[in-house]
């Protein structure tokens, strides 16, 4: 901001205004005057120092489990390399949740439709079993001793 003087022309103001500073002067600072009395601007955090969602740390066990299952369903639907069993146990341990084996088995079965790694493993096992049965049938009956 400037004001006009009849003798010297436009003069730059030395006190703070509510108007935003011009970008070319944003990095310059005055060593004296009213600017020196201003508090230093707070730094922007370079890392995440607070939870992403407000209340994430105070969630109930039921809400944590629902969020974990949504996350698992998404990851497994995208083709995660782990099966639901290993992934669920890993994430339960990371979130410090303890469930009984029966509850874990029920949750794994509920993820069966999106568990790509499990489906591929079961298809491979069926194919290998069919090949073994075919090989046994083509070898003929075993000789009696």
N, C-alpha and C. Protein backbone atom coordinates (compact mmCIF):
# COMPACT_ATOMS: atom_id res chain seq x y z
N UNK A 1 0.85 -1.17 0.00
CA UNK A 1 0.00 0.00 0.00
C UNK A 1 0.89 1.23 0.00
N UNK A 2 0.44 2.23 -0.66
CA UNK A 2 1.23 3.46 -0.72
C UNK A 2 0.35 4.66 -0.43
N UNK A 3 0.99 5.73 -0.07
CA UNK A 3 0.31 7.01 0.03
C UNK A 3 1.15 8.02 -0.72
N UNK A 4 0.52 9.06 -1.19
CA UNK A 4 1.24 10.02 -2.03
C UNK A 4 1.70 11.21 -1.21
N UNK A 5 2.92 11.58 -1.47
CA UNK A 5 3.49 12.77 -0.87
C UNK A 5 3.73 13.75 -2.00
N UNK A 6 3.49 15.02 -1.74
CA UNK A 6 3.68 16.02 -2.79
C UNK A 6 5.15 16.18 -3.13
N UNK A 7 6.02 15.94 -2.15
CA UNK A 7 7.44 16.19 -2.39
C UNK A 7 8.20 14.95 -2.87
N UNK A 8 7.88 13.75 -2.35
CA UNK A 8 8.69 12.59 -2.69
C UNK A 8 7.97 11.54 -3.53
N UNK A 9 6.68 11.67 -3.78
CA UNK A 9 5.95 10.68 -4.55
C UNK A 9 5.48 9.53 -3.67
N UNK A 10 5.16 8.36 -4.26
CA UNK A 10 4.66 7.24 -3.47
C UNK A 10 5.71 6.72 -2.49
N UNK A 11 5.28 6.46 -1.27
CA UNK A 11 6.18 5.95 -0.24
C UNK A 11 5.57 4.67 0.32
N UNK A 12 6.38 3.68 0.49
CA UNK A 12 5.91 2.40 1.02
C UNK A 12 5.60 2.53 2.52
N UNK A 13 4.48 1.98 2.94
CA UNK A 13 4.10 2.03 4.36
C UNK A 13 4.99 1.12 5.17
N UNK A 14 5.25 1.48 6.40
CA UNK A 14 6.10 0.68 7.27
C UNK A 14 5.31 -0.02 8.36
N UNK A 15 4.02 0.08 8.37
CA UNK A 15 3.22 -0.58 9.39
C UNK A 15 2.32 -1.62 8.75
N UNK A 16 1.86 -2.54 9.54
CA UNK A 16 1.07 -3.67 9.03
C UNK A 16 -0.31 -3.21 8.60
N UNK A 17 -0.80 -3.84 7.56
CA UNK A 17 -2.16 -3.58 7.09
C UNK A 17 -2.90 -4.91 7.05
N UNK A 18 -4.20 -4.85 6.87
CA UNK A 18 -5.00 -6.07 6.77
C UNK A 18 -4.91 -6.68 5.38
N UNK A 19 -4.43 -5.90 4.42
CA UNK A 19 -4.35 -6.40 3.05
C UNK A 19 -3.23 -7.44 2.94
N UNK A 20 -3.41 -8.44 2.07
CA UNK A 20 -2.35 -9.44 1.91
C UNK A 20 -1.09 -8.81 1.32
N UNK A 21 0.03 -9.35 1.73
CA UNK A 21 1.30 -8.82 1.25
C UNK A 21 1.53 -9.25 -0.19
N UNK A 22 2.25 -8.44 -0.90
CA UNK A 22 2.56 -8.75 -2.29
C UNK A 22 3.58 -9.88 -2.32
N UNK A 23 3.46 -10.81 -3.29
CA UNK A 23 4.33 -11.99 -3.29
C UNK A 23 5.82 -11.67 -3.35
N UNK A 24 6.23 -10.62 -4.07
CA UNK A 24 7.66 -10.35 -4.16
C UNK A 24 8.23 -9.87 -2.84
N UNK A 25 7.38 -9.39 -1.92
CA UNK A 25 7.85 -8.92 -0.63
C UNK A 25 7.56 -9.95 0.49
N UNK A 26 7.02 -11.09 0.14
CA UNK A 26 6.60 -12.06 1.14
C UNK A 26 7.78 -12.61 1.94
N UNK A 27 8.96 -12.73 1.33
CA UNK A 27 10.10 -13.31 2.03
C UNK A 27 10.96 -12.25 2.70
N UNK A 28 10.75 -10.98 2.38
CA UNK A 28 11.56 -9.92 2.98
C UNK A 28 10.99 -9.56 4.35
N UNK A 29 11.86 -9.25 5.27
CA UNK A 29 11.39 -8.81 6.58
C UNK A 29 12.23 -7.61 7.02
N UNK A 30 11.58 -6.73 7.73
CA UNK A 30 12.28 -5.55 8.24
C UNK A 30 12.87 -5.87 9.60
N UNK A 31 14.03 -5.35 9.86
CA UNK A 31 14.70 -5.60 11.13
C UNK A 31 14.26 -4.62 12.21
N UNK A 32 13.61 -3.54 11.83
CA UNK A 32 13.20 -2.54 12.81
C UNK A 32 11.78 -2.09 12.50
N UNK A 33 11.21 -1.36 13.40
CA UNK A 33 9.87 -0.81 13.19
C UNK A 33 8.79 -1.77 13.66
N UNK A 34 7.55 -1.47 13.30
CA UNK A 34 6.42 -2.27 13.78
C UNK A 34 6.49 -3.73 13.36
N UNK A 35 7.16 -4.02 12.25
CA UNK A 35 7.25 -5.42 11.80
C UNK A 35 8.02 -6.27 12.81
N UNK A 36 8.98 -5.70 13.48
CA UNK A 36 9.79 -6.45 14.44
C UNK A 36 8.97 -6.86 15.66
N UNK A 37 7.88 -6.18 15.92
CA UNK A 37 7.04 -6.49 17.08
C UNK A 37 6.03 -7.58 16.79
N UNK A 38 5.88 -7.94 15.54
CA UNK A 38 4.89 -8.94 15.15
C UNK A 38 5.40 -10.34 15.53
N UNK A 39 4.52 -11.24 15.98
CA UNK A 39 4.96 -12.61 16.29
C UNK A 39 5.36 -13.33 15.02
N UNK A 40 6.29 -14.26 15.16
CA UNK A 40 6.72 -15.04 14.01
C UNK A 40 5.56 -15.92 13.56
N UNK A 41 5.43 -16.11 12.26
CA UNK A 41 4.34 -16.99 11.79
C UNK A 41 4.61 -18.43 12.22
N UNK A 42 3.54 -19.14 12.52
CA UNK A 42 3.68 -20.54 12.93
C UNK A 42 4.06 -21.37 11.71
N UNK A 43 4.94 -22.32 11.94
CA UNK A 43 5.37 -23.17 10.84
C UNK A 43 4.26 -24.17 10.51
N UNK A 44 4.18 -24.53 9.25
CA UNK A 44 3.25 -25.56 8.83
C UNK A 44 3.89 -26.92 9.12
N UNK A 45 3.15 -27.86 9.70
CA UNK A 45 3.75 -29.17 10.00
C UNK A 45 4.12 -29.89 8.71
N UNK A 46 5.26 -30.53 8.72
CA UNK A 46 5.70 -31.29 7.55
C UNK A 46 5.29 -32.75 7.65
N UNK A 47 4.88 -33.18 8.82
CA UNK A 47 4.40 -34.55 8.99
C UNK A 47 3.02 -34.48 9.61
N UNK A 48 2.33 -35.58 9.58
CA UNK A 48 1.01 -35.62 10.18
C UNK A 48 1.16 -35.75 11.69
N UNK A 49 0.74 -34.72 12.40
CA UNK A 49 0.90 -34.71 13.84
C UNK A 49 -0.41 -34.94 14.60
N UNK A 50 -1.51 -34.98 13.86
CA UNK A 50 -2.81 -35.20 14.49
C UNK A 50 -3.54 -36.29 13.72
N UNK A 51 -4.53 -36.94 14.31
CA UNK A 51 -5.28 -37.97 13.58
C UNK A 51 -5.99 -37.38 12.36
N UNK A 52 -6.14 -38.19 11.34
CA UNK A 52 -6.80 -37.74 10.12
C UNK A 52 -8.26 -37.38 10.41
N UNK A 53 -8.94 -38.25 11.11
CA UNK A 53 -10.34 -38.03 11.43
C UNK A 53 -10.47 -37.68 12.90
N UNK A 54 -11.24 -36.65 13.17
CA UNK A 54 -11.45 -36.26 14.55
C UNK A 54 -12.20 -37.39 15.27
N UNK A 55 -11.74 -37.78 16.42
CA UNK A 55 -12.38 -38.85 17.18
C UNK A 55 -11.85 -40.23 16.84
N UNK A 56 -10.83 -40.32 16.00
CA UNK A 56 -10.32 -41.63 15.59
C UNK A 56 -9.74 -42.40 16.77
N UNK A 57 -9.19 -41.71 17.73
CA UNK A 57 -8.57 -42.41 18.85
C UNK A 57 -9.59 -42.80 19.93
N UNK A 58 -10.74 -42.16 19.92
CA UNK A 58 -11.74 -42.44 20.94
C UNK A 58 -12.85 -43.36 20.45
N UNK A 59 -12.65 -44.03 19.33
CA UNK A 59 -13.70 -44.89 18.78
C UNK A 59 -13.92 -46.11 19.66
N UNK A 60 -15.15 -46.59 19.68
CA UNK A 60 -15.47 -47.80 20.43
C UNK A 60 -14.96 -49.02 19.67
N UNK A 61 -14.86 -50.12 20.36
CA UNK A 61 -14.35 -51.37 19.77
C UNK A 61 -15.19 -51.78 18.56
N UNK A 62 -16.49 -51.65 18.66
CA UNK A 62 -17.39 -52.02 17.57
C UNK A 62 -17.16 -51.14 16.35
N UNK A 63 -16.94 -49.83 16.57
CA UNK A 63 -16.69 -48.90 15.47
C UNK A 63 -15.33 -49.17 14.82
N UNK A 64 -14.34 -49.49 15.66
CA UNK A 64 -13.02 -49.81 15.11
C UNK A 64 -13.09 -51.05 14.22
N UNK A 65 -13.83 -52.05 14.68
CA UNK A 65 -13.95 -53.28 13.91
C UNK A 65 -14.70 -53.04 12.60
N UNK A 66 -15.74 -52.22 12.64
CA UNK A 66 -16.47 -51.90 11.41
C UNK A 66 -15.56 -51.17 10.42
N UNK A 67 -14.77 -50.22 10.90
CA UNK A 67 -13.84 -49.51 10.03
C UNK A 67 -12.76 -50.42 9.48
N UNK A 68 -12.28 -51.34 10.32
CA UNK A 68 -11.27 -52.30 9.89
C UNK A 68 -11.82 -53.21 8.80
N UNK A 69 -13.06 -53.65 8.95
CA UNK A 69 -13.67 -54.53 7.94
C UNK A 69 -13.89 -53.78 6.63
N UNK A 70 -14.27 -52.51 6.69
CA UNK A 70 -14.42 -51.71 5.47
C UNK A 70 -13.07 -51.59 4.76
N UNK A 71 -12.04 -51.33 5.53
CA UNK A 71 -10.69 -51.21 4.97
C UNK A 71 -10.24 -52.53 4.36
N UNK A 72 -10.50 -53.64 5.03
CA UNK A 72 -10.12 -54.95 4.51
C UNK A 72 -10.88 -55.28 3.24
N UNK A 73 -12.17 -54.98 3.22
CA UNK A 73 -12.99 -55.24 2.03
C UNK A 73 -12.44 -54.45 0.83
N UNK A 74 -12.05 -53.22 1.07
CA UNK A 74 -11.49 -52.38 0.00
C UNK A 74 -10.16 -52.95 -0.49
N UNK A 75 -9.27 -53.25 0.45
CA UNK A 75 -7.94 -53.75 0.08
C UNK A 75 -8.02 -55.10 -0.63
N UNK A 76 -8.83 -56.01 -0.13
CA UNK A 76 -8.94 -57.32 -0.76
C UNK A 76 -9.63 -57.22 -2.11
N UNK A 77 -10.57 -56.30 -2.24
CA UNK A 77 -11.23 -56.09 -3.53
C UNK A 77 -10.29 -55.55 -4.59
N UNK A 78 -9.26 -54.83 -4.16
CA UNK A 78 -8.25 -54.29 -5.08
C UNK A 78 -7.17 -55.33 -5.41
N UNK A 79 -7.23 -56.49 -4.77
CA UNK A 79 -6.27 -57.54 -5.08
C UNK A 79 -5.07 -57.56 -4.17
N UNK A 80 -5.28 -57.47 -2.87
CA UNK A 80 -4.18 -57.52 -1.91
C UNK A 80 -3.49 -58.87 -2.01
N UNK A 81 -2.19 -58.90 -1.81
CA UNK A 81 -1.41 -60.14 -1.99
C UNK A 81 -1.60 -61.13 -0.85
N UNK A 82 -2.08 -60.69 0.31
CA UNK A 82 -2.31 -61.60 1.43
C UNK A 82 -3.75 -62.10 1.42
N UNK A 83 -3.95 -63.26 2.01
CA UNK A 83 -5.31 -63.76 2.18
C UNK A 83 -5.95 -63.02 3.35
N UNK A 84 -7.27 -63.11 3.43
CA UNK A 84 -8.00 -62.39 4.47
C UNK A 84 -7.57 -62.82 5.86
N UNK A 85 -7.26 -64.09 6.05
CA UNK A 85 -6.87 -64.59 7.37
C UNK A 85 -5.61 -63.89 7.86
N UNK A 86 -4.56 -63.92 7.05
CA UNK A 86 -3.29 -63.32 7.47
C UNK A 86 -3.42 -61.80 7.62
N UNK A 87 -4.13 -61.17 6.67
CA UNK A 87 -4.28 -59.72 6.70
C UNK A 87 -5.09 -59.27 7.91
N UNK A 88 -6.18 -59.98 8.20
CA UNK A 88 -7.02 -59.61 9.35
C UNK A 88 -6.25 -59.77 10.66
N UNK A 89 -5.54 -60.85 10.82
CA UNK A 89 -4.78 -61.05 12.06
C UNK A 89 -3.69 -59.99 12.21
N UNK A 90 -3.06 -59.63 11.11
CA UNK A 90 -2.03 -58.59 11.15
C UNK A 90 -2.63 -57.25 11.56
N UNK A 91 -3.77 -56.91 10.98
CA UNK A 91 -4.39 -55.60 11.29
C UNK A 91 -5.01 -55.57 12.67
N UNK A 92 -5.53 -56.69 13.14
CA UNK A 92 -6.04 -56.73 14.51
C UNK A 92 -4.91 -56.51 15.50
N UNK A 93 -3.75 -57.12 15.22
CA UNK A 93 -2.60 -56.95 16.10
C UNK A 93 -2.13 -55.50 16.09
N UNK A 94 -2.11 -54.87 14.89
CA UNK A 94 -1.66 -53.48 14.77
C UNK A 94 -2.61 -52.52 15.47
N UNK A 95 -3.90 -52.83 15.46
CA UNK A 95 -4.87 -51.94 16.12
C UNK A 95 -5.12 -52.33 17.57
N UNK A 96 -4.37 -53.31 18.07
CA UNK A 96 -4.45 -53.76 19.47
C UNK A 96 -5.85 -54.22 19.86
N UNK A 97 -6.48 -54.95 18.96
CA UNK A 97 -7.81 -55.51 19.22
C UNK A 97 -7.66 -57.01 19.42
N UNK A 98 -8.38 -57.56 20.36
CA UNK A 98 -8.33 -59.00 20.59
C UNK A 98 -9.72 -59.58 20.39
N UNK A 99 -9.79 -60.59 19.53
CA UNK A 99 -11.03 -61.29 19.26
C UNK A 99 -10.77 -62.78 19.43
N UNK A 100 -11.82 -63.53 19.68
CA UNK A 100 -11.66 -64.98 19.79
C UNK A 100 -11.47 -65.57 18.40
N UNK A 101 -10.95 -66.79 18.35
CA UNK A 101 -10.72 -67.45 17.06
C UNK A 101 -12.02 -67.65 16.29
N UNK A 102 -13.10 -67.94 17.00
CA UNK A 102 -14.40 -68.11 16.35
C UNK A 102 -14.87 -66.82 15.67
N UNK A 103 -14.69 -65.70 16.37
CA UNK A 103 -15.08 -64.40 15.78
C UNK A 103 -14.22 -64.06 14.57
N UNK A 104 -12.93 -64.36 14.66
CA UNK A 104 -12.03 -64.11 13.54
C UNK A 104 -12.42 -64.97 12.34
N UNK A 105 -12.75 -66.25 12.58
CA UNK A 105 -13.17 -67.13 11.49
C UNK A 105 -14.46 -66.63 10.83
N UNK A 106 -15.40 -66.11 11.63
CA UNK A 106 -16.64 -65.56 11.08
C UNK A 106 -16.35 -64.34 10.21
N UNK A 107 -15.44 -63.49 10.66
CA UNK A 107 -15.09 -62.30 9.88
C UNK A 107 -14.39 -62.69 8.57
N UNK A 108 -13.54 -63.71 8.63
CA UNK A 108 -12.84 -64.17 7.42
C UNK A 108 -13.83 -64.72 6.41
N UNK A 109 -14.83 -65.47 6.89
CA UNK A 109 -15.85 -66.01 5.99
C UNK A 109 -16.69 -64.88 5.37
N UNK A 110 -16.90 -63.80 6.11
CA UNK A 110 -17.67 -62.69 5.56
C UNK A 110 -16.90 -61.96 4.46
N UNK A 111 -15.57 -62.14 4.42
CA UNK A 111 -14.73 -61.53 3.39
C UNK A 111 -14.44 -62.47 2.23
N UNK A 112 -15.04 -63.65 2.24
CA UNK A 112 -14.75 -64.67 1.22
C UNK A 112 -15.00 -64.17 -0.20
N UNK A 113 -16.05 -63.38 -0.41
CA UNK A 113 -16.39 -62.93 -1.76
C UNK A 113 -15.38 -61.96 -2.35
N UNK A 114 -14.57 -61.28 -1.54
CA UNK A 114 -13.57 -60.33 -2.06
C UNK A 114 -12.15 -60.82 -1.88
N UNK A 115 -11.97 -62.01 -1.30
CA UNK A 115 -10.63 -62.54 -1.02
C UNK A 115 -10.06 -63.21 -2.27
N UNK A 116 -9.38 -62.43 -3.09
CA UNK A 116 -8.84 -62.90 -4.36
C UNK A 116 -7.74 -63.94 -4.16
N UNK A 117 -6.84 -63.72 -3.20
CA UNK A 117 -5.74 -64.65 -2.95
C UNK A 117 -6.27 -66.02 -2.53
N UNK A 118 -7.31 -66.03 -1.72
CA UNK A 118 -7.90 -67.30 -1.28
C UNK A 118 -8.55 -68.03 -2.45
N UNK A 119 -9.26 -67.27 -3.29
CA UNK A 119 -9.91 -67.87 -4.44
C UNK A 119 -8.89 -68.50 -5.40
N UNK A 120 -7.78 -67.78 -5.65
CA UNK A 120 -6.73 -68.32 -6.52
C UNK A 120 -6.09 -69.57 -5.91
N UNK A 121 -5.86 -69.56 -4.60
CA UNK A 121 -5.28 -70.73 -3.94
C UNK A 121 -6.21 -71.92 -4.04
N UNK A 122 -7.52 -71.72 -3.80
CA UNK A 122 -8.48 -72.82 -3.88
C UNK A 122 -8.59 -73.36 -5.30
N UNK A 123 -8.57 -72.47 -6.31
CA UNK A 123 -8.62 -72.92 -7.70
C UNK A 123 -7.37 -73.74 -8.05
N UNK A 124 -6.21 -73.29 -7.57
CA UNK A 124 -4.97 -74.02 -7.84
C UNK A 124 -5.00 -75.40 -7.17
N UNK A 125 -5.50 -75.48 -5.94
CA UNK A 125 -5.59 -76.76 -5.25
C UNK A 125 -6.54 -77.71 -5.96
N UNK A 126 -7.68 -77.19 -6.45
CA UNK A 126 -8.63 -78.03 -7.19
C UNK A 126 -8.00 -78.55 -8.48
N UNK A 127 -7.28 -77.69 -9.18
CA UNK A 127 -6.63 -78.07 -10.43
C UNK A 127 -5.57 -79.15 -10.17
N UNK A 128 -4.76 -78.97 -9.12
CA UNK A 128 -3.74 -79.96 -8.78
C UNK A 128 -4.37 -81.28 -8.38
N UNK A 129 -5.47 -81.24 -7.63
CA UNK A 129 -6.16 -82.48 -7.23
C UNK A 129 -6.73 -83.19 -8.44
N UNK A 130 -7.28 -82.44 -9.40
CA UNK A 130 -7.83 -83.04 -10.61
C UNK A 130 -6.71 -83.67 -11.45
N UNK A 131 -5.56 -82.99 -11.53
CA UNK A 131 -4.43 -83.54 -12.29
C UNK A 131 -3.91 -84.82 -11.64
N UNK A 132 -3.85 -84.86 -10.30
CA UNK A 132 -3.40 -86.06 -9.60
C UNK A 132 -4.37 -87.22 -9.81
N UNK A 133 -5.67 -86.91 -9.76
CA UNK A 133 -6.68 -87.95 -9.97
C UNK A 133 -6.59 -88.48 -11.40
N UNK A 134 -6.36 -87.58 -12.36
CA UNK A 134 -6.24 -87.99 -13.76
C UNK A 134 -4.99 -88.85 -13.97
N UNK A 135 -3.88 -88.45 -13.31
CA UNK A 135 -2.65 -89.22 -13.43
C UNK A 135 -2.81 -90.60 -12.79
N UNK A 136 -3.52 -90.69 -11.68
CA UNK A 136 -3.74 -91.97 -11.02
C UNK A 136 -4.64 -92.86 -11.87
N UNK A 137 -5.63 -92.27 -12.54
CA UNK A 137 -6.55 -93.04 -13.38
C UNK A 137 -5.83 -93.54 -14.62
N UNK A 138 -4.94 -92.75 -15.19
CA UNK A 138 -4.24 -93.17 -16.41
C UNK A 138 -3.17 -94.21 -16.11
N UNK A 139 -2.67 -94.27 -14.89
CA UNK A 139 -1.66 -95.26 -14.52
C UNK A 139 -2.28 -96.64 -14.39
N UNK A 140 -3.58 -96.69 -14.27
CA UNK A 140 -4.26 -97.97 -14.16
C UNK A 140 -4.32 -98.45 -12.74
N UNK A 141 -4.96 -99.60 -12.53
CA UNK A 141 -5.08 -100.11 -11.16
C UNK A 141 -3.73 -100.56 -10.64
N UNK A 142 -3.57 -100.41 -9.39
CA UNK A 142 -2.33 -100.80 -8.74
C UNK A 142 -2.25 -102.33 -8.70
N UNK A 143 -1.08 -102.93 -9.00
CA UNK A 143 -0.97 -104.39 -8.97
C UNK A 143 -1.14 -104.92 -7.54
N UNK A 144 -1.82 -106.03 -7.45
CA UNK A 144 -2.04 -106.64 -6.14
C UNK A 144 -0.76 -107.37 -5.72
N UNK A 145 -0.47 -107.30 -4.48
CA UNK A 145 0.75 -107.96 -3.99
C UNK A 145 0.49 -109.33 -3.53
